[in-house]
Amino acid sequence: MGKKFREARPEAGLPEKLVLYCGRHDYGTRVLQGTGNLAVVMRAMGHGSPSTAMKYQHPELEQVRRVLNGTKSSHHPEPGL
């Protein structure tokens, strides 16, 4: 699958630094943002420890600012997650 992605990437106009594995990090980040539940992320991604699961987290700075400022988040969890 990785080879097919690398072949299709230039045709789609995607940057070379975008690799298929980036999707795993995006998935982990979005699941945690949507659920707020690290245990769910760990189960979904097959991780056995919180430290491993946290390597896949890339919070958006704006979300962190909203939390610190006490403003309501504009992010709503997706149904079914």
PDB file of N, CA and C in Angstrom:
ATOM      1  N   MET A   1       0.814  -1.170   0.000  1.00  0.00           N
ATOM      2  CA  MET A   1       0.000   0.000   0.000  1.00  0.00           C
ATOM      3  C   MET A   1       0.874   1.256   0.000  1.00  0.00           C
ATOM      4  N   GLY A   2       1.967   1.220   0.756  1.00  0.00           N
ATOM      5  CA  GLY A   2       2.864   2.363   0.816  1.00  0.00           C
ATOM      6  C   GLY A   2       3.440   2.718  -0.544  1.00  0.00           C
ATOM      7  N   LYS A   3       3.779   1.697  -1.323  1.00  0.00           N
ATOM      8  CA  LYS A   3       4.342   1.934  -2.656  1.00  0.00           C
ATOM      9  C   LYS A   3       3.312   2.620  -3.558  1.00  0.00           C
ATOM     10  N   LYS A   4       2.075   2.156  -3.513  1.00  0.00           N
ATOM     11  CA  LYS A   4       1.016   2.767  -4.335  1.00  0.00           C
ATOM     12  C   LYS A   4       0.783   4.227  -3.922  1.00  0.00           C
ATOM     13  N   PHE A   5       0.830   4.481  -2.610  1.00  0.00           N
ATOM     14  CA  PHE A   5       0.666   5.852  -2.135  1.00  0.00           C
ATOM     15  C   PHE A   5       1.796   6.740  -2.650  1.00  0.00           C
ATOM     16  N   ARG A   6       3.032   6.259  -2.564  1.00  0.00           N
ATOM     17  CA  ARG A   6       4.185   7.044  -3.044  1.00  0.00           C
ATOM     18  C   ARG A   6       4.066   7.330  -4.534  1.00  0.00           C
ATOM     19  N   GLU A   7       3.530   6.379  -5.293  1.00  0.00           N
ATOM     20  CA  GLU A   7       3.358   6.594  -6.742  1.00  0.00           C
ATOM     21  C   GLU A   7       2.241   7.602  -7.022  1.00  0.00           C
ATOM     22  N   ALA A   8       1.181   7.557  -6.229  1.00  0.00           N
ATOM     23  CA  ALA A   8       0.024   8.428  -6.461  1.00  0.00           C
ATOM     24  C   ALA A   8       0.230   9.840  -5.899  1.00  0.00           C
ATOM     25  N   ARG A   9       1.087   9.975  -4.927  1.00  0.00           N
ATOM     26  CA  ARG A   9       1.287  11.263  -4.245  1.00  0.00           C
ATOM     27  C   ARG A   9       1.613  12.403  -5.211  1.00  0.00           C
ATOM     28  N   PRO A  10       2.605  12.256  -6.112  1.00  0.00           N
ATOM     29  CA  PRO A  10       2.904  13.383  -7.016  1.00  0.00           C
ATOM     30  C   PRO A  10       1.754  13.689  -7.977  1.00  0.00           C
ATOM     31  N   GLU A  11       1.054  12.644  -8.409  1.00  0.00           N
ATOM     32  CA  GLU A  11      -0.074  12.861  -9.315  1.00  0.00           C
ATOM     33  C   GLU A  11      -1.195  13.646  -8.640  1.00  0.00           C
ATOM     34  N   ALA A  12      -1.325  13.481  -7.320  1.00  0.00           N
ATOM     35  CA  ALA A  12      -2.350  14.197  -6.563  1.00  0.00           C
ATOM     36  C   ALA A  12      -1.879  15.569  -6.117  1.00  0.00           C
ATOM     37  N   GLY A  13      -0.599  15.883  -6.385  1.00  0.00           N
ATOM     38  CA  GLY A  13      -0.057  17.176  -5.994  1.00  0.00           C
ATOM     39  C   GLY A  13       0.223  17.288  -4.500  1.00  0.00           C
ATOM     40  N   LEU A  14       0.440  16.147  -3.854  1.00  0.00           N
ATOM     41  CA  LEU A  14       0.714  16.141  -2.419  1.00  0.00           C
ATOM     42  C   LEU A  14       2.205  16.303  -2.168  1.00  0.00           C
ATOM     43  N   PRO A  15       2.570  16.952  -1.065  1.00  0.00           N
ATOM     44  CA  PRO A  15       3.999  17.155  -0.771  1.00  0.00           C
ATOM     45  C   PRO A  15       4.701  15.842  -0.456  1.00  0.00           C
ATOM     46  N   GLU A  16       5.962  15.774  -0.797  1.00  0.00           N
ATOM     47  CA  GLU A  16       6.748  14.560  -0.588  1.00  0.00           C
ATOM     48  C   GLU A  16       6.873  14.191   0.889  1.00  0.00           C
ATOM     49  N   LYS A  17       6.827  15.212   1.759  1.00  0.00           N
ATOM     50  CA  LYS A  17       6.964  14.913   3.187  1.00  0.00           C
ATOM     51  C   LYS A  17       5.708  14.251   3.769  1.00  0.00           C
ATOM     52  N   LEU A  18       4.609  14.261   3.023  1.00  0.00           N
ATOM     53  CA  LEU A  18       3.391  13.582   3.467  1.00  0.00           C
ATOM     54  C   LEU A  18       3.531  12.095   3.182  1.00  0.00           C
ATOM     55  N   VAL A  19       3.554  11.317   4.238  1.00  0.00           N
ATOM     56  CA  VAL A  19       3.683   9.876   4.102  1.00  0.00           C
ATOM     57  C   VAL A  19       2.408   9.216   4.616  1.00  0.00           C
ATOM     58  N   LEU A  20       2.177   8.002   4.193  1.00  0.00           N
ATOM     59  CA  LEU A  20       0.973   7.287   4.571  1.00  0.00           C
ATOM     60  C   LEU A  20       0.844   7.188   6.087  1.00  0.00           C
ATOM     61  N   TYR A  21       1.949   7.073   6.768  1.00  0.00           N
ATOM     62  CA  TYR A  21       1.940   6.930   8.225  1.00  0.00           C
ATOM     63  C   TYR A  21       1.394   8.171   8.923  1.00  0.00           C
ATOM     64  N   CYS A  22       1.388   9.330   8.252  1.00  0.00           N
ATOM     65  CA  CYS A  22       0.830  10.553   8.845  1.00  0.00           C
ATOM     66  C   CYS A  22      -0.630  10.348   9.237  1.00  0.00           C
ATOM     67  N   GLY A  23      -1.326   9.509   8.508  1.00  0.00           N
ATOM     68  CA  GLY A  23      -2.737   9.242   8.802  1.00  0.00           C
ATOM     69  C   GLY A  23      -2.938   8.644  10.182  1.00  0.00           C
ATOM     70  N   ARG A  24      -2.001   7.832  10.634  1.00  0.00           N
ATOM     71  CA  ARG A  24      -2.112   7.219  11.960  1.00  0.00           C
ATOM     72  C   ARG A  24      -2.025   8.281  13.052  1.00  0.00           C
ATOM     73  N   HIS A  25      -1.143   9.243  12.882  1.00  0.00           N
ATOM     74  CA  HIS A  25      -1.025  10.321  13.857  1.00  0.00           C
ATOM     75  C   HIS A  25      -2.284  11.187  13.849  1.00  0.00           C
ATOM     76  N   ASP A  26      -2.790  11.490  12.668  1.00  0.00           N
ATOM     77  CA  ASP A  26      -4.006  12.290  12.559  1.00  0.00           C
ATOM     78  C   ASP A  26      -5.179  11.557  13.205  1.00  0.00           C
ATOM     79  N   TYR A  27      -5.287  10.265  12.967  1.00  0.00           N
ATOM     80  CA  TYR A  27      -6.362   9.459  13.544  1.00  0.00           C
ATOM     81  C   TYR A  27      -6.308   9.501  15.072  1.00  0.00           C
ATOM     82  N   GLY A  28      -5.135   9.247  15.648  1.00  0.00           N
ATOM     83  CA  GLY A  28      -4.988   9.257  17.099  1.00  0.00           C
ATOM     84  C   GLY A  28      -5.343  10.605  17.706  1.00  0.00           C
ATOM     85  N   THR A  29      -4.904  11.666  17.069  1.00  0.00           N
ATOM     86  CA  THR A  29      -5.191  13.016  17.553  1.00  0.00           C
ATOM     87  C   THR A  29      -6.684  13.298  17.505  1.00  0.00           C
ATOM     88  N   ARG A  30      -7.313  12.974  16.389  1.00  0.00           N
ATOM     89  CA  ARG A  30      -8.747  13.259  16.235  1.00  0.00           C
ATOM     90  C   ARG A  30      -9.613  12.420  17.168  1.00  0.00           C
ATOM     91  N   VAL A  31      -9.251  11.161  17.380  1.00  0.00           N
ATOM     92  CA  VAL A  31     -10.035  10.319  18.280  1.00  0.00           C
ATOM     93  C   VAL A  31      -9.950  10.852  19.707  1.00  0.00           C
ATOM     94  N   LEU A  32      -8.758  11.262  20.138  1.00  0.00           N
ATOM     95  CA  LEU A  32      -8.643  11.813  21.492  1.00  0.00           C
ATOM     96  C   LEU A  32      -9.387  13.138  21.607  1.00  0.00           C
ATOM     97  N   GLN A  33      -9.277  13.995  20.604  1.00  0.00           N
ATOM     98  CA  GLN A  33      -9.998  15.266  20.642  1.00  0.00           C
ATOM     99  C   GLN A  33     -11.505  15.036  20.676  1.00  0.00           C
ATOM    100  N   GLY A  34     -11.965  14.059  19.927  1.00  0.00           N
ATOM    101  CA  GLY A  34     -13.406  13.806  19.845  1.00  0.00           C
ATOM    102  C   GLY A  34     -13.987  13.111  21.050  1.00  0.00           C
ATOM    103  N   THR A  35     -13.195  12.272  21.700  1.00  0.00           N
ATOM    104  CA  THR A  35     -13.714  11.495  22.820  1.00  0.00           C
ATOM    105  C   THR A  35     -13.228  11.990  24.166  1.00  0.00           C
ATOM    106  N   GLY A  36     -12.021  12.567  24.198  1.00  0.00           N
ATOM    107  CA  GLY A  36     -11.423  12.959  25.458  1.00  0.00           C
ATOM    108  C   GLY A  36     -11.057  11.757  26.316  1.00  0.00           C
ATOM    109  N   ASN A  37     -10.954  10.604  25.687  1.00  0.00           N
ATOM    110  CA  ASN A  37     -10.759   9.357  26.427  1.00  0.00           C
ATOM    111  C   ASN A  37      -9.525   8.631  25.892  1.00  0.00           C
ATOM    112  N   LEU A  38      -8.423   8.706  26.643  1.00  0.00           N
ATOM    113  CA  LEU A  38      -7.182   8.084  26.200  1.00  0.00           C
ATOM    114  C   LEU A  38      -7.307   6.563  26.123  1.00  0.00           C
ATOM    115  N   ALA A  39      -8.109   5.963  26.996  1.00  0.00           N
ATOM    116  CA  ALA A  39      -8.290   4.504  26.966  1.00  0.00           C
ATOM    117  C   ALA A  39      -8.915   4.067  25.642  1.00  0.00           C
ATOM    118  N   VAL A  40      -9.837   4.843  25.119  1.00  0.00           N
ATOM    119  CA  VAL A  40     -10.460   4.533  23.820  1.00  0.00           C
ATOM    120  C   VAL A  40      -9.417   4.605  22.709  1.00  0.00           C
ATOM    121  N   VAL A  41      -8.585   5.638  22.759  1.00  0.00           N
ATOM    122  CA  VAL A  41      -7.521   5.781  21.755  1.00  0.00           C
ATOM    123  C   VAL A  41      -6.593   4.577  21.810  1.00  0.00           C
ATOM    124  N   MET A  42      -6.202   4.199  23.012  1.00  0.00           N
ATOM    125  CA  MET A  42      -5.289   3.069  23.181  1.00  0.00           C
ATOM    126  C   MET A  42      -5.885   1.791  22.603  1.00  0.00           C
ATOM    127  N   ARG A  43      -7.148   1.528  22.898  1.00  0.00           N
ATOM    128  CA  ARG A  43      -7.798   0.323  22.363  1.00  0.00           C
ATOM    129  C   ARG A  43      -7.906   0.385  20.846  1.00  0.00           C
ATOM    130  N   ALA A  44      -8.329   1.528  20.330  1.00  0.00           N
ATOM    131  CA  ALA A  44      -8.524   1.671  18.886  1.00  0.00           C
ATOM    132  C   ALA A  44      -7.227   1.518  18.104  1.00  0.00           C
ATOM    133  N   MET A  45      -6.127   1.965  18.700  1.00  0.00           N
ATOM    134  CA  MET A  45      -4.852   1.934  17.996  1.00  0.00           C
ATOM    135  C   MET A  45      -3.987   0.738  18.374  1.00  0.00           C
ATOM    136  N   GLY A  46      -4.454  -0.052  19.341  1.00  0.00           N
ATOM    137  CA  GLY A  46      -3.708  -1.232  19.739  1.00  0.00           C
ATOM    138  C   GLY A  46      -2.500  -0.949  20.603  1.00  0.00           C
ATOM    139  N   HIS A  47      -2.544   0.162  21.344  1.00  0.00           N
ATOM    140  CA  HIS A  47      -1.427   0.523  22.209  1.00  0.00           C
ATOM    141  C   HIS A  47      -1.613  -0.070  23.601  1.00  0.00           C
ATOM    142  N   GLY A  48      -0.507  -0.497  24.202  1.00  0.00           N
ATOM    143  CA  GLY A  48      -0.560  -1.078  25.533  1.00  0.00           C
ATOM    144  C   GLY A  48      -0.224  -0.121  26.649  1.00  0.00           C
ATOM    145  N   SER A  49       0.254   1.080  26.296  1.00  0.00           N
ATOM    146  CA  SER A  49       0.622   2.023  27.350  1.00  0.00           C
ATOM    147  C   SER A  49       0.238   3.445  26.945  1.00  0.00           C
ATOM    148  N   PRO A  50      -0.092   4.265  27.938  1.00  0.00           N
ATOM    149  CA  PRO A  50      -0.409   5.664  27.644  1.00  0.00           C
ATOM    150  C   PRO A  50       0.750   6.408  26.984  1.00  0.00           C
ATOM    151  N   SER A  51       1.982   6.077  27.366  1.00  0.00           N
ATOM    152  CA  SER A  51       3.123   6.790  26.783  1.00  0.00           C
ATOM    153  C   SER A  51       3.230   6.537  25.278  1.00  0.00           C
ATOM    154  N   THR A  52       2.909   5.325  24.849  1.00  0.00           N
ATOM    155  CA  THR A  52       2.916   5.037  23.411  1.00  0.00           C
ATOM    156  C   THR A  52       1.798   5.794  22.715  1.00  0.00           C
ATOM    157  N   ALA A  53       0.606   5.763  23.299  1.00  0.00           N
ATOM    158  CA  ALA A  53      -0.536   6.465  22.691  1.00  0.00           C
ATOM    159  C   ALA A  53      -0.275   7.956  22.575  1.00  0.00           C
ATOM    160  N   MET A  54       0.394   8.533  23.557  1.00  0.00           N
ATOM    161  CA  MET A  54       0.632   9.971  23.543  1.00  0.00           C
ATOM    162  C   MET A  54       1.624  10.404  22.471  1.00  0.00           C
ATOM    163  N   LYS A  55       2.418   9.486  21.968  1.00  0.00           N
ATOM    164  CA  LYS A  55       3.338   9.820  20.869  1.00  0.00           C
ATOM    165  C   LYS A  55       2.575  10.184  19.601  1.00  0.00           C
ATOM    166  N   TYR A  56       1.321   9.773  19.529  1.00  0.00           N
ATOM    167  CA  TYR A  56       0.500  10.021  18.353  1.00  0.00           C
ATOM    168  C   TYR A  56      -0.389  11.255  18.510  1.00  0.00           C
ATOM    169  N   GLN A  57      -0.218  11.990  19.585  1.00  0.00           N
ATOM    170  CA  GLN A  57      -1.064  13.149  19.851  1.00  0.00           C
ATOM    171  C   GLN A  57      -0.386  14.430  19.410  1.00  0.00           C
ATOM    172  N   HIS A  58      -1.103  15.204  18.622  1.00  0.00           N
ATOM    173  CA  HIS A  58      -0.606  16.491  18.140  1.00  0.00           C
ATOM    174  C   HIS A  58      -1.732  17.516  18.294  1.00  0.00           C
ATOM    175  N   PRO A  59      -1.932  17.993  19.532  1.00  0.00           N
ATOM    176  CA  PRO A  59      -3.052  18.913  19.756  1.00  0.00           C
ATOM    177  C   PRO A  59      -2.853  20.222  19.004  1.00  0.00           C
ATOM    178  N   GLU A  60      -3.965  20.783  18.588  1.00  0.00           N
ATOM    179  CA  GLU A  60      -3.921  22.070  17.916  1.00  0.00           C
ATOM    180  C   GLU A  60      -3.781  23.149  18.985  1.00  0.00           C
ATOM    181  N   LEU A  61      -2.905  24.103  18.747  1.00  0.00           N
ATOM    182  CA  LEU A  61      -2.657  25.141  19.743  1.00  0.00           C
ATOM    183  C   LEU A  61      -3.911  25.950  20.054  1.00  0.00           C
ATOM    184  N   GLU A  62      -4.762  26.157  19.082  1.00  0.00           N
ATOM    185  CA  GLU A  62      -5.981  26.927  19.323  1.00  0.00           C
ATOM    186  C   GLU A  62      -6.887  26.211  20.315  1.00  0.00           C
ATOM    187  N   GLN A  63      -6.952  24.906  20.235  1.00  0.00           N
ATOM    188  CA  GLN A  63      -7.749  24.140  21.186  1.00  0.00           C
ATOM    189  C   GLN A  63      -7.172  24.293  22.597  1.00  0.00           C
ATOM    190  N   VAL A  64      -5.862  24.242  22.728  1.00  0.00           N
ATOM    191  CA  VAL A  64      -5.208  24.415  24.025  1.00  0.00           C
ATOM    192  C   VAL A  64      -5.497  25.813  24.561  1.00  0.00           C
ATOM    193  N   ARG A  65      -5.418  26.831  23.701  1.00  0.00           N
ATOM    194  CA  ARG A  65      -5.708  28.204  24.134  1.00  0.00           C
ATOM    195  C   ARG A  65      -7.135  28.335  24.655  1.00  0.00           C
ATOM    196  N   ARG A  66      -8.107  27.715  23.961  1.00  0.00           N
ATOM    197  CA  ARG A  66      -9.505  27.789  24.400  1.00  0.00           C
ATOM    198  C   ARG A  66      -9.675  27.174  25.781  1.00  0.00           C
ATOM    199  N   VAL A  67      -9.021  26.057  26.007  1.00  0.00           N
ATOM    200  CA  VAL A  67      -9.121  25.395  27.314  1.00  0.00           C
ATOM    201  C   VAL A  67      -8.516  26.280  28.391  1.00  0.00           C
ATOM    202  N   LEU A  68      -7.334  26.812  28.129  1.00  0.00           N
ATOM    203  CA  LEU A  68      -6.667  27.645  29.123  1.00  0.00           C
ATOM    204  C   LEU A  68      -7.424  28.944  29.397  1.00  0.00           C
ATOM    205  N   ASN A  69      -8.082  29.468  28.376  1.00  0.00           N
ATOM    206  CA  ASN A  69      -8.843  30.704  28.536  1.00  0.00           C
ATOM    207  C   ASN A  69     -10.256  30.463  29.071  1.00  0.00           C
ATOM    208  N   GLY A  70     -10.627  29.203  29.200  1.00  0.00           N
ATOM    209  CA  GLY A  70     -11.946  28.882  29.727  1.00  0.00           C
ATOM    210  C   GLY A  70     -13.074  29.118  28.753  1.00  0.00           C
ATOM    211  N   THR A  71     -12.764  29.223  27.460  1.00  0.00           N
ATOM    212  CA  THR A  71     -13.814  29.403  26.463  1.00  0.00           C
ATOM    213  C   THR A  71     -14.284  28.057  25.962  1.00  0.00           C
ATOM    214  N   LYS A  72     -15.512  28.027  25.516  1.00  0.00           N
ATOM    215  CA  LYS A  72     -16.101  26.779  25.047  1.00  0.00           C
ATOM    216  C   LYS A  72     -15.429  26.328  23.758  1.00  0.00           C
ATOM    217  N   SER A  73     -15.161  25.045  23.664  1.00  0.00           N
ATOM    218  CA  SER A  73     -14.539  24.471  22.475  1.00  0.00           C
ATOM    219  C   SER A  73     -15.533  24.475  21.325  1.00  0.00           C
ATOM    220  N   SER A  74     -15.027  24.743  20.135  1.00  0.00           N
ATOM    221  CA  SER A  74     -15.886  24.685  18.953  1.00  0.00           C
ATOM    222  C   SER A  74     -15.884  23.294  18.334  1.00  0.00           C
ATOM    223  N   HIS A  75     -15.123  22.375  18.943  1.00  0.00           N
ATOM    224  CA  HIS A  75     -15.028  21.019  18.400  1.00  0.00           C
ATOM    225  C   HIS A  75     -16.107  20.151  19.017  1.00  0.00           C
ATOM    226  N   HIS A  76     -16.854  19.455  18.174  1.00  0.00           N
ATOM    227  CA  HIS A  76     -17.877  18.546  18.650  1.00  0.00           C
ATOM    228  C   HIS A  76     -17.511  17.148  18.197  1.00  0.00           C
ATOM    229  N   PRO A  77     -17.553  16.168  19.108  1.00  0.00           N
ATOM    230  CA  PRO A  77     -17.205  14.805  18.717  1.00  0.00           C
ATOM    231  C   PRO A  77     -18.093  14.287  17.609  1.00  0.00           C
ATOM    232  N   GLU A  78     -17.506  13.500  16.730  1.00  0.00           N
ATOM    233  CA  GLU A  78     -18.253  12.880  15.648  1.00  0.00           C
ATOM    234  C   GLU A  78     -19.150  11.797  16.213  1.00  0.00           C
ATOM    235  N   PRO A  79     -20.375  11.664  15.733  1.00  0.00           N
ATOM    236  CA  PRO A  79     -21.227  10.581  16.202  1.00  0.00           C
ATOM    237  C   PRO A  79     -20.630   9.235  15.860  1.00  0.00           C
ATOM    238  N   GLY A  80     -20.770   8.303  16.756  1.00  0.00           N
ATOM    239  CA  GLY A  80     -20.302   6.946  16.502  1.00  0.00           C
ATOM    240  C   GLY A  80     -18.873   6.686  16.909  1.00  0.00           C
ATOM    241  N   LEU A  81     -18.152   7.683  17.421  1.00  0.00           N
ATOM    242  CA  LEU A  81     -16.781   7.440  17.859  1.00  0.00           C
ATOM    243  C   LEU A  81     -16.759   6.921  19.263  1.00  0.00           C
TER     244      LEU A  81
END
